[in-house]
PDB file of all heavy atoms in Angstrom:
ATOM      1  N   SER A   1     -88.339-104.659-162.834  1.00  0.00           N
ATOM      2  CA  SER A   1     -88.337-103.311-162.022  1.00  0.00           C
ATOM      3  C   SER A   1     -89.956-102.746-162.303  1.00  0.00           C
ATOM      4  O   SER A   1     -90.383-102.818-163.410  1.00  0.00           O
ATOM      5  CB  SER A   1     -87.282-102.352-162.557  1.00  0.00           C
ATOM      6  OG  SER A   1     -87.576-102.005-163.882  1.00  0.00           O
ATOM      7  N   LEU A   2     -90.213-102.160-161.199  1.00  0.00           N
ATOM      8  CA  LEU A   2     -91.657-101.548-161.266  1.00  0.00           C
ATOM      9  C   LEU A   2     -91.566 -99.988-160.804  1.00  0.00           C
ATOM     10  O   LEU A   2     -90.932 -99.720-159.858  1.00  0.00           O
ATOM     11  CB  LEU A   2     -92.607-102.327-160.262  1.00  0.00           C
ATOM     12  CG  LEU A   2     -93.921-101.822-160.084  1.00  0.00           C
ATOM     13  CD1 LEU A   2     -94.884-103.098-159.783  1.00  0.00           C
ATOM     14  CD2 LEU A   2     -94.198-100.798-158.914  1.00  0.00           C
ATOM     15  N   GLN A   3     -92.157 -99.207-161.592  1.00  0.00           N
ATOM     16  CA  GLN A   3     -92.241 -97.809-161.193  1.00  0.00           C
ATOM     17  C   GLN A   3     -93.796 -97.499-161.169  1.00  0.00           C
ATOM     18  O   GLN A   3     -94.482 -97.558-162.089  1.00  0.00           O
ATOM     19  CB  GLN A   3     -91.684 -96.886-162.423  1.00  0.00           C
ATOM     20  CG  GLN A   3     -91.884 -95.378-162.245  1.00  0.00           C
ATOM     21  CD  GLN A   3     -91.148 -94.855-160.875  1.00  0.00           C
ATOM     22  OE1 GLN A   3     -89.986 -95.131-160.720  1.00  0.00           O
ATOM     23  NE2 GLN A   3     -91.819 -94.015-160.131  1.00  0.00           N
ATOM     24  N   LEU A   4     -94.218 -97.122-159.944  1.00  0.00           N
ATOM     25  CA  LEU A   4     -95.564 -96.681-159.660  1.00  0.00           C
ATOM     26  C   LEU A   4     -95.791 -95.293-160.335  1.00  0.00           C
ATOM     27  O   LEU A   4     -95.187 -94.292-159.831  1.00  0.00           O
ATOM     28  CB  LEU A   4     -95.905 -96.670-158.145  1.00  0.00           C
ATOM     29  CG  LEU A   4     -97.312 -96.372-157.872  1.00  0.00           C
ATOM     30  CD1 LEU A   4     -98.369 -97.299-158.432  1.00  0.00           C
ATOM     31  CD2 LEU A   4     -97.427 -96.079-156.323  1.00  0.00           C
ATOM     32  N   GLU A   5     -96.560 -95.240-161.368  1.00  0.00           N
ATOM     33  CA  GLU A   5     -96.868 -93.956-162.141  1.00  0.00           C
ATOM     34  C   GLU A   5     -97.927 -93.191-161.537  1.00  0.00           C
ATOM     35  O   GLU A   5     -97.900 -91.894-161.365  1.00  0.00           O
ATOM     36  CB  GLU A   5     -97.173 -94.198-163.406  1.00  0.00           C
ATOM     37  CG  GLU A   5     -96.014 -94.915-164.271  1.00  0.00           C
ATOM     38  CD  GLU A   5     -94.799 -94.117-164.587  1.00  0.00           C
ATOM     39  OE1 GLU A   5     -94.825 -92.916-164.194  1.00  0.00           O
ATOM     40  OE2 GLU A   5     -93.691 -94.755-164.733  1.00  0.00           O
ATOM     41  N   SER A   6     -99.052 -93.811-160.923  1.00  0.00           N
ATOM     42  CA  SER A   6    -100.133 -93.045-160.424  1.00  0.00           C
ATOM     43  C   SER A   6    -101.079 -94.007-159.537  1.00  0.00           C
ATOM     44  O   SER A   6    -100.915 -95.310-159.816  1.00  0.00           O
ATOM     45  CB  SER A   6    -101.013 -92.369-161.435  1.00  0.00           C
ATOM     46  OG  SER A   6    -101.384 -93.289-162.426  1.00  0.00           O
ATOM     47  N   ALA A   7    -101.713 -93.504-158.641  1.00  0.00           N
ATOM     48  CA  ALA A   7    -102.547 -94.287-157.744  1.00  0.00           C
ATOM     49  C   ALA A   7    -103.713 -93.405-157.330  1.00  0.00           C
ATOM     50  O   ALA A   7    -103.455 -92.205-156.931  1.00  0.00           O
ATOM     51  CB  ALA A   7    -101.866 -94.962-156.692  1.00  0.00           C
ATOM     52  N   TRP A   8    -104.963 -93.901-157.220  1.00  0.00           N
ATOM     53  CA  TRP A   8    -106.119 -93.026-156.890  1.00  0.00           C
ATOM     54  C   TRP A   8    -107.287 -93.894-156.252  1.00  0.00           C
ATOM     55  O   TRP A   8    -107.361 -95.041-156.553  1.00  0.00           O
ATOM     56  CB  TRP A   8    -106.631 -92.308-158.006  1.00  0.00           C
ATOM     57  CG  TRP A   8    -107.127 -93.023-159.235  1.00  0.00           C
ATOM     58  CD1 TRP A   8    -108.437 -93.316-159.419  1.00  0.00           C
ATOM     59  CD2 TRP A   8    -106.310 -93.665-160.234  1.00  0.00           C
ATOM     60  NE1 TRP A   8    -108.638 -93.962-160.692  1.00  0.00           N
ATOM     61  CE2 TRP A   8    -107.306 -94.298-161.084  1.00  0.00           C
ATOM     62  CE3 TRP A   8    -105.111 -93.756-160.683  1.00  0.00           C
ATOM     63  CZ2 TRP A   8    -106.917 -94.914-162.215  1.00  0.00           C
ATOM     64  CZ3 TRP A   8    -104.681 -94.445-161.660  1.00  0.00           C
ATOM     65  CH2 TRP A   8    -105.607 -94.965-162.515  1.00  0.00           C
ATOM     66  N   LEU A   9    -108.086 -93.245-155.370  1.00  0.00           N
ATOM     67  CA  LEU A   9    -109.194 -93.883-154.862  1.00  0.00           C
ATOM     68  C   LEU A   9    -110.377 -93.593-155.813  1.00  0.00           C
ATOM     69  O   LEU A   9    -110.522 -92.399-156.351  1.00  0.00           O
ATOM     70  CB  LEU A   9    -109.466 -93.287-153.522  1.00  0.00           C
ATOM     71  CG  LEU A   9    -108.585 -93.771-152.319  1.00  0.00           C
ATOM     72  CD1 LEU A   9    -108.950 -92.928-151.024  1.00  0.00           C
ATOM     73  CD2 LEU A   9    -108.656 -95.178-152.112  1.00  0.00           C
ATOM     74  N   ASN A  10    -111.183 -94.485-155.988  1.00  0.00           N
ATOM     75  CA  ASN A  10    -112.630 -94.334-156.470  1.00  0.00           C
ATOM     76  C   ASN A  10    -113.653 -94.744-155.577  1.00  0.00           C
ATOM     77  O   ASN A  10    -113.639 -95.841-155.152  1.00  0.00           O
ATOM     78  CB  ASN A  10    -112.830 -95.087-157.835  1.00  0.00           C
ATOM     79  CG  ASN A  10    -112.089 -94.517-158.998  1.00  0.00           C
ATOM     80  OD1 ASN A  10    -111.742 -93.370-159.029  1.00  0.00           O
ATOM     81  ND2 ASN A  10    -111.766 -95.353-160.008  1.00  0.00           N
ATOM     82  N   SER A  11    -114.589 -93.945-155.281  1.00  0.00           N
ATOM     83  CA  SER A  11    -115.646 -94.162-154.423  1.00  0.00           C
ATOM     84  C   SER A  11    -117.061 -94.066-155.180  1.00  0.00           C
ATOM     85  O   SER A  11    -117.179 -92.981-155.833  1.00  0.00           O
ATOM     86  CB  SER A  11    -115.709 -93.236-153.175  1.00  0.00           C
ATOM     87  OG  SER A  11    -116.795 -93.449-152.305  1.00  0.00           O
ATOM     88  N   TYR A  12    -117.903 -95.049-154.873  1.00  0.00           N
ATOM     89  CA  TYR A  12    -119.090 -95.126-155.896  1.00  0.00           C
ATOM     90  C   TYR A  12    -120.331 -94.910-154.880  1.00  0.00           C
ATOM     91  O   TYR A  12    -120.658 -95.818-154.104  1.00  0.00           O
ATOM     92  CB  TYR A  12    -119.183 -96.326-156.649  1.00  0.00           C
ATOM     93  CG  TYR A  12    -118.113 -96.643-157.668  1.00  0.00           C
ATOM     94  CD1 TYR A  12    -116.794 -97.028-157.325  1.00  0.00           C
ATOM     95  CD2 TYR A  12    -118.427 -96.279-158.972  1.00  0.00           C
ATOM     96  CE1 TYR A  12    -115.743 -97.166-158.207  1.00  0.00           C
ATOM     97  CE2 TYR A  12    -117.294 -96.444-159.797  1.00  0.00           C
ATOM     98  CZ  TYR A  12    -116.031 -96.704-159.557  1.00  0.00           C
ATOM     99  OH  TYR A  12    -115.139 -96.969-160.484  1.00  0.00           O
ATOM    100  N   ASP A  13    -121.127 -93.894-155.110  1.00  0.00           N
ATOM    101  CA  ASP A  13    -122.391 -93.706-154.466  1.00  0.00           C
ATOM    102  C   ASP A  13    -123.430 -94.198-155.446  1.00  0.00           C
ATOM    103  O   ASP A  13    -123.133 -94.833-156.598  1.00  0.00           O
ATOM    104  CB  ASP A  13    -122.659 -92.197-154.227  1.00  0.00           C
ATOM    105  CG  ASP A  13    -121.729 -91.688-153.242  1.00  0.00           C
ATOM    106  OD1 ASP A  13    -121.243 -92.412-152.400  1.00  0.00           O
ATOM    107  OD2 ASP A  13    -121.466 -90.435-153.380  1.00  0.00           O
ATOM    108  N   VAL A  14    -124.747 -94.336-154.976  1.00  0.00           N
ATOM    109  CA  VAL A  14    -125.825 -94.856-155.731  1.00  0.00           C
ATOM    110  C   VAL A  14    -125.901 -94.172-157.200  1.00  0.00           C
ATOM    111  O   VAL A  14    -125.890 -92.810-157.048  1.00  0.00           O
ATOM    112  CB  VAL A  14    -127.166 -94.770-154.947  1.00  0.00           C
ATOM    113  CG1 VAL A  14    -128.286 -95.109-155.968  1.00  0.00           C
ATOM    114  CG2 VAL A  14    -127.160 -95.589-153.857  1.00  0.00           C
ATOM    115  N   GLY A  15    -125.914 -94.729-158.239  1.00  0.00           N
ATOM    116  CA  GLY A  15    -126.050 -94.104-159.443  1.00  0.00           C
ATOM    117  C   GLY A  15    -124.699 -93.937-160.162  1.00  0.00           C
ATOM    118  O   GLY A  15    -124.571 -93.633-161.399  1.00  0.00           O
ATOM    119  N   HIS A  16    -123.642 -94.226-159.346  1.00  0.00           N
ATOM    120  CA  HIS A  16    -122.337 -93.937-160.064  1.00  0.00           C
ATOM    121  C   HIS A  16    -121.904 -95.272-160.884  1.00  0.00           C
ATOM    122  O   HIS A  16    -122.347 -96.300-160.561  1.00  0.00           O
ATOM    123  CB  HIS A  16    -121.172 -93.774-158.935  1.00  0.00           C
ATOM    124  CG  HIS A  16    -121.343 -92.432-158.353  1.00  0.00           C
ATOM    125  ND1 HIS A  16    -120.435 -91.907-157.342  1.00  0.00           N
ATOM    126  CD2 HIS A  16    -122.226 -91.382-158.510  1.00  0.00           C
ATOM    127  CE1 HIS A  16    -120.717 -90.829-157.019  1.00  0.00           C
ATOM    128  NE2 HIS A  16    -121.792 -90.384-157.576  1.00  0.00           N
ATOM    129  N   SER A  17    -120.979 -95.001-161.813  1.00  0.00           N
ATOM    130  CA  SER A  17    -120.516 -96.118-162.656  1.00  0.00           C
ATOM    131  C   SER A  17    -119.275 -95.618-163.313  1.00  0.00           C
ATOM    132  O   SER A  17    -118.689 -94.491-163.103  1.00  0.00           O
ATOM    133  CB  SER A  17    -121.467 -96.492-163.643  1.00  0.00           C
ATOM    134  OG  SER A  17    -121.751 -95.459-164.569  1.00  0.00           O
ATOM    135  N   GLN A  18    -118.592 -96.441-164.162  1.00  0.00           N
ATOM    136  CA  GLN A  18    -117.427 -96.111-164.846  1.00  0.00           C
ATOM    137  C   GLN A  18    -117.593 -96.603-166.283  1.00  0.00           C
ATOM    138  O   GLN A  18    -117.907 -97.720-166.526  1.00  0.00           O
ATOM    139  CB  GLN A  18    -116.236 -96.844-164.357  1.00  0.00           C
ATOM    140  CG  GLN A  18    -114.892 -96.358-164.921  1.00  0.00           C
ATOM    141  CD  GLN A  18    -114.409 -95.082-164.058  1.00  0.00           C
ATOM    142  OE1 GLN A  18    -113.904 -95.134-163.012  1.00  0.00           O
ATOM    143  NE2 GLN A  18    -114.419 -94.024-164.670  1.00  0.00           N
ATOM    144  N   GLU A  19    -117.453 -95.714-167.317  1.00  0.00           N
ATOM    145  CA  GLU A  19    -117.626 -96.084-168.634  1.00  0.00           C
ATOM    146  C   GLU A  19    -116.482 -96.971-169.150  1.00  0.00           C
ATOM    147  O   GLU A  19    -115.364 -97.000-168.556  1.00  0.00           O
ATOM    148  CB  GLU A  19    -117.549 -94.791-169.498  1.00  0.00           C
ATOM    149  CG  GLU A  19    -116.280 -94.106-169.645  1.00  0.00           C
ATOM    150  CD  GLU A  19    -116.076 -93.067-168.530  1.00  0.00           C
ATOM    151  OE1 GLU A  19    -116.850 -93.018-167.532  1.00  0.00           O
ATOM    152  OE2 GLU A  19    -115.143 -92.234-168.699  1.00  0.00           O
ATOM    153  N   PRO A  20    -116.631 -97.825-170.234  1.00  0.00           N
ATOM    154  CA  PRO A  20    -115.391 -98.527-170.823  1.00  0.00           C
ATOM    155  C   PRO A  20    -114.343 -97.655-171.156  1.00  0.00           C
ATOM    156  O   PRO A  20    -114.481 -96.577-171.730  1.00  0.00           O
ATOM    157  CB  PRO A  20    -116.064 -99.126-172.084  1.00  0.00           C
ATOM    158  CG  PRO A  20    -117.651 -99.286-171.750  1.00  0.00           C
ATOM    159  CD  PRO A  20    -117.941 -97.953-170.940  1.00  0.00           C
ATOM    160  N   HIS A  21    -113.238 -97.961-170.745  1.00  0.00           N
ATOM    161  CA  HIS A  21    -111.982 -97.292-170.970  1.00  0.00           C
ATOM    162  C   HIS A  21    -110.781 -98.127-170.676  1.00  0.00           C
ATOM    163  O   HIS A  21    -110.923 -99.299-170.335  1.00  0.00           O
ATOM    164  CB  HIS A  21    -111.910 -96.031-169.884  1.00  0.00           C
ATOM    165  CG  HIS A  21    -111.730 -96.508-168.559  1.00  0.00           C
ATOM    166  ND1 HIS A  21    -112.741 -97.043-167.773  1.00  0.00           N
ATOM    167  CD2 HIS A  21    -110.678 -96.432-167.583  1.00  0.00           C
ATOM    168  CE1 HIS A  21    -112.381 -97.390-166.586  1.00  0.00           C
ATOM    169  NE2 HIS A  21    -111.173 -96.948-166.392  1.00  0.00           N
ATOM    170  N   ASN A  22    -109.559 -97.642-170.999  1.00  0.00           N
ATOM    171  CA  ASN A  22    -108.263 -98.179-170.676  1.00  0.00           C
ATOM    172  C   ASN A  22    -107.312 -97.260-170.183  1.00  0.00           C
ATOM    173  O   ASN A  22    -107.573 -96.035-170.166  1.00  0.00           O
ATOM    174  CB  ASN A  22    -107.621 -99.041-171.866  1.00  0.00           C
ATOM    175  CG  ASN A  22    -107.310 -98.132-173.027  1.00  0.00           C
ATOM    176  OD1 ASN A  22    -106.442 -97.287-172.786  1.00  0.00           O
ATOM    177  ND2 ASN A  22    -107.836 -98.351-174.168  1.00  0.00           N
ATOM    178  N   HIS A  23    -106.149 -97.663-169.716  1.00  0.00           N
ATOM    179  CA  HIS A  23    -105.172 -96.696-169.060  1.00  0.00           C
ATOM    180  C   HIS A  23    -103.852 -96.705-169.873  1.00  0.00           C
ATOM    181  O   HIS A  23    -102.872 -96.166-169.309  1.00  0.00           O
ATOM    182  CB  HIS A  23    -104.909 -97.270-167.683  1.00  0.00           C
ATOM    183  CG  HIS A  23    -106.013 -97.357-166.708  1.00  0.00           C
ATOM    184  ND1 HIS A  23    -105.818 -97.745-165.351  1.00  0.00           N
ATOM    185  CD2 HIS A  23    -107.306 -96.996-166.896  1.00  0.00           C
ATOM    186  CE1 HIS A  23    -107.051 -97.643-164.788  1.00  0.00           C
ATOM    187  NE2 HIS A  23    -107.864 -97.271-165.691  1.00  0.00           N
ATOM    188  N   SER A  24    -103.971 -97.204-171.098  1.00  0.00           N
ATOM    189  CA  SER A  24    -102.688 -97.145-171.842  1.00  0.00           C
ATOM    190  C   SER A  24    -102.178 -95.754-172.291  1.00  0.00           C
ATOM    191  O   SER A  24    -102.919 -94.972-172.757  1.00  0.00           O
ATOM    192  CB  SER A  24    -103.004 -97.978-173.012  1.00  0.00           C
ATOM    193  OG  SER A  24    -101.789 -98.167-173.862  1.00  0.00           O
ATOM    194  N   THR A  25    -100.951 -95.507-171.939  1.00  0.00           N
ATOM    195  CA  THR A  25    -100.267 -94.390-172.297  1.00  0.00           C
ATOM    196  C   THR A  25     -98.789 -94.687-172.602  1.00  0.00           C
ATOM    197  O   THR A  25     -98.395 -95.899-172.422  1.00  0.00           O
ATOM    198  CB  THR A  25    -100.242 -93.256-171.122  1.00  0.00           C
ATOM    199  OG1 THR A  25     -99.296 -93.644-170.109  1.00  0.00           O
ATOM    200  CG2 THR A  25    -101.605 -92.972-170.476  1.00  0.00           C
ATOM    201  N   GLN A  26     -98.086 -93.744-172.953  1.00  0.00           N
ATOM    202  CA  GLN A  26     -96.690 -93.980-173.378  1.00  0.00           C
ATOM    203  C   GLN A  26     -95.842 -94.412-172.259  1.00  0.00           C
ATOM    204  O   GLN A  26     -94.815 -95.221-172.280  1.00  0.00           O
ATOM    205  CB  GLN A  26     -95.961 -92.734-173.909  1.00  0.00           C
ATOM    206  CG  GLN A  26     -94.533 -92.879-174.427  1.00  0.00           C
ATOM    207  CD  GLN A  26     -93.999 -91.640-175.116  1.00  0.00           C
ATOM    208  OE1 GLN A  26     -94.764 -90.657-175.294  1.00  0.00           O
ATOM    209  NE2 GLN A  26     -92.831 -91.746-175.588  1.00  0.00           N
ATOM    210  N   ASP A  27     -96.184 -94.078-171.018  1.00  0.00           N
ATOM    211  CA  ASP A  27     -95.475 -94.315-169.745  1.00  0.00           C
ATOM    212  C   ASP A  27     -95.972 -95.507-168.935  1.00  0.00           C
ATOM    213  O   ASP A  27     -95.339 -95.982-167.959  1.00  0.00           O
ATOM    214  CB  ASP A  27     -95.385 -93.129-168.818  1.00  0.00           C
ATOM    215  CG  ASP A  27     -94.646 -91.931-169.568  1.00  0.00           C
ATOM    216  OD1 ASP A  27     -93.688 -92.139-170.201  1.00  0.00           O
ATOM    217  OD2 ASP A  27     -95.175 -90.723-169.382  1.00  0.00           O
ATOM    218  N   VAL A  28     -97.167 -96.011-169.412  1.00  0.00           N
ATOM    219  CA  VAL A  28     -97.744 -97.109-168.510  1.00  0.00           C
ATOM    220  C   VAL A  28     -98.046 -98.231-169.379  1.00  0.00           C
ATOM    221  O   VAL A  28     -98.485 -98.290-170.495  1.00  0.00           O
ATOM    222  CB  VAL A  28     -99.155 -96.492-168.061  1.00  0.00           C
ATOM    223  CG1 VAL A  28    -100.013 -97.686-167.328  1.00  0.00           C
ATOM    224  CG2 VAL A  28     -99.000 -95.297-167.092  1.00  0.00           C
ATOM    225  N   ASN A  29     -97.846 -99.423-168.739  1.00  0.00           N
ATOM    226  CA  ASN A  29     -98.101-100.728-169.558  1.00  0.00           C
ATOM    227  C   ASN A  29     -98.888-101.773-168.718  1.00  0.00           C
ATOM    228  O   ASN A  29     -99.452-102.657-169.288  1.00  0.00           O
ATOM    229  CB  ASN A  29     -96.776-101.283-170.033  1.00  0.00           C
ATOM    230  CG  ASN A  29     -95.628-101.499-169.071  1.00  0.00           C
ATOM    231  OD1 ASN A  29     -95.903-101.431-167.746  1.00  0.00           O
ATOM    232  ND2 ASN A  29     -94.371-101.713-169.462  1.00  0.00           N
ATOM    233  N   PHE A  30     -98.972-101.609-167.445  1.00  0.00           N
ATOM    234  CA  PHE A  30     -99.702-102.455-166.612  1.00  0.00           C
ATOM    235  C   PHE A  30    -100.577-101.589-165.578  1.00  0.00           C
ATOM    236  O   PHE A  30    -100.195-100.520-165.184  1.00  0.00           O
ATOM    237  CB  PHE A  30     -99.116-103.486-165.897  1.00  0.00           C
ATOM    238  CG  PHE A  30     -98.502-104.678-166.845  1.00  0.00           C
ATOM    239  CD1 PHE A  30     -97.268-104.595-167.381  1.00  0.00           C
ATOM    240  CD2 PHE A  30     -99.361-105.704-166.963  1.00  0.00           C
ATOM    241  CE1 PHE A  30     -96.855-105.604-168.240  1.00  0.00           C
ATOM    242  CE2 PHE A  30     -98.921-106.836-167.787  1.00  0.00           C
ATOM    243  CZ  PHE A  30     -97.715-106.753-168.480  1.00  0.00           C
ATOM    244  N   SER A  31    -101.729-101.983-165.216  1.00  0.00           N
ATOM    245  CA  SER A  31    -102.632-101.393-164.375  1.00  0.00           C
ATOM    246  C   SER A  31    -103.135-102.405-163.353  1.00  0.00           C
ATOM    247  O   SER A  31    -103.131-103.551-163.509  1.00  0.00           O
ATOM    248  CB  SER A  31    -103.815-100.790-164.959  1.00  0.00           C
ATOM    249  OG  SER A  31    -103.339 -99.830-165.974  1.00  0.00           O
ATOM    250  N   GLY A  32    -103.747-101.997-162.182  1.00  0.00           N
ATOM    251  CA  GLY A  32    -104.333-102.852-161.161  1.00  0.00           C
ATOM    252  C   GLY A  32    -105.337-102.084-160.349  1.00  0.00           C
ATOM    253  O   GLY A  32    -105.605-100.912-160.457  1.00  0.00           O
ATOM    254  N   CYS A  33    -106.126-102.928-159.631  1.00  0.00           N
ATOM    255  CA  CYS A  33    -107.198-102.446-158.653  1.00  0.00           C
ATOM    256  C   CYS A  33    -107.272-103.390-157.471  1.00  0.00           C
ATOM    257  O   CYS A  33    -107.126-104.534-157.614  1.00  0.00           O
ATOM    258  CB  CYS A  33    -108.407-102.464-159.547  1.00  0.00           C
ATOM    259  SG  CYS A  33    -109.903-101.684-158.601  1.00  0.00           S
ATOM    260  N   ILE A  34    -107.390-102.616-156.395  1.00  0.00           N
ATOM    261  CA  ILE A  34    -107.558-103.551-155.053  1.00  0.00           C
ATOM    262  C   ILE A  34    -108.975-102.919-154.628  1.00  0.00           C
ATOM    263  O   ILE A  34    -109.301-101.804-154.413  1.00  0.00           O
ATOM    264  CB  ILE A  34    -106.409-103.060-154.012  1.00  0.00           C
ATOM    265  CG1 ILE A  34    -105.089-103.508-154.646  1.00  0.00           C
ATOM    266  CG2 ILE A  34    -106.725-103.662-152.691  1.00  0.00           C
ATOM    267  CD1 ILE A  34    -103.916-103.134-153.683  1.00  0.00           C
ATOM    268  N   TYR A  35    -109.583-104.005-154.078  1.00  0.00           N
ATOM    269  CA  TYR A  35    -111.082-103.767-153.693  1.00  0.00           C
ATOM    270  C   TYR A  35    -110.892-103.559-152.057  1.00  0.00           C
ATOM    271  O   TYR A  35    -110.947-104.477-151.363  1.00  0.00           O
ATOM    272  CB  TYR A  35    -111.956-104.903-154.154  1.00  0.00           C
ATOM    273  CG  TYR A  35    -112.063-104.911-155.595  1.00  0.00           C
ATOM    274  CD1 TYR A  35    -111.146-105.237-156.432  1.00  0.00           C
ATOM    275  CD2 TYR A  35    -113.283-104.213-156.169  1.00  0.00           C
ATOM    276  CE1 TYR A  35    -111.253-105.271-157.711  1.00  0.00           C
ATOM    277  CE2 TYR A  35    -113.518-104.120-157.587  1.00  0.00           C
ATOM    278  CZ  TYR A  35    -112.352-104.631-158.305  1.00  0.00           C
ATOM    279  OH  TYR A  35    -112.480-104.610-159.679  1.00  0.00           O
ATOM    280  N   LEU A  36    -111.203-102.252-151.675  1.00  0.00           N
ATOM    281  CA  LEU A  36    -110.821-101.941-150.362  1.00  0.00           C
ATOM    282  C   LEU A  36    -112.075-102.143-149.514  1.00  0.00           C
ATOM    283  O   LEU A  36    -112.097-102.482-148.391  1.00  0.00           O
ATOM    284  CB  LEU A  36    -110.420-100.470-150.188  1.00  0.00           C
ATOM    285  CG  LEU A  36    -109.102-100.118-150.999  1.00  0.00           C
ATOM    286  CD1 LEU A  36    -108.889 -98.718-150.954  1.00  0.00           C
ATOM    287  CD2 LEU A  36    -107.908-100.888-150.359  1.00  0.00           C
ATOM    288  N   ASN A  37    -113.164-101.677-150.017  1.00  0.00           N
ATOM    289  CA  ASN A  37    -114.594-101.939-149.411  1.00  0.00           C
ATOM    290  C   ASN A  37    -115.480-102.335-150.497  1.00  0.00           C
ATOM    291  O   ASN A  37    -115.969-101.615-151.392  1.00  0.00           O
ATOM    292  CB  ASN A  37    -114.947-100.618-148.732  1.00  0.00           C
ATOM    293  CG  ASN A  37    -116.298-100.704-147.998  1.00  0.00           C
ATOM    294  OD1 ASN A  37    -116.443-101.601-147.077  1.00  0.00           O
ATOM    295  ND2 ASN A  37    -117.350 -99.903-148.332  1.00  0.00           N
ATOM    296  N   TYR A  38    -115.949-103.624-150.489  1.00  0.00           N
ATOM    297  CA  TYR A  38    -116.683-104.263-151.518  1.00  0.00           C
ATOM    298  C   TYR A  38    -117.513-105.507-150.985  1.00  0.00           C
ATOM    299  O   TYR A  38    -117.082-106.437-150.399  1.00  0.00           O
ATOM    300  CB  TYR A  38    -115.639-104.728-152.557  1.00  0.00           C
ATOM    301  CG  TYR A  38    -116.382-105.382-153.815  1.00  0.00           C
ATOM    302  CD1 TYR A  38    -116.857-104.410-154.801  1.00  0.00           C
ATOM    303  CD2 TYR A  38    -116.687-106.744-153.979  1.00  0.00           C
ATOM    304  CE1 TYR A  38    -117.477-104.919-155.917  1.00  0.00           C
ATOM    305  CE2 TYR A  38    -117.236-107.151-155.105  1.00  0.00           C
ATOM    306  CZ  TYR A  38    -117.588-106.293-155.984  1.00  0.00           C
ATOM    307  OH  TYR A  38    -118.373-106.656-157.175  1.00  0.00           O
TER     308      TYR A  38
END
């Protein structure tokens, strides 16, 4: 069984990036990413 907890868009302009991080919380055990424009 799958419960979608959250979903969001990230858009990157020149100079943008993402620091090392994880998504682990009490309510979340798996995460994912789909490359929409890449």
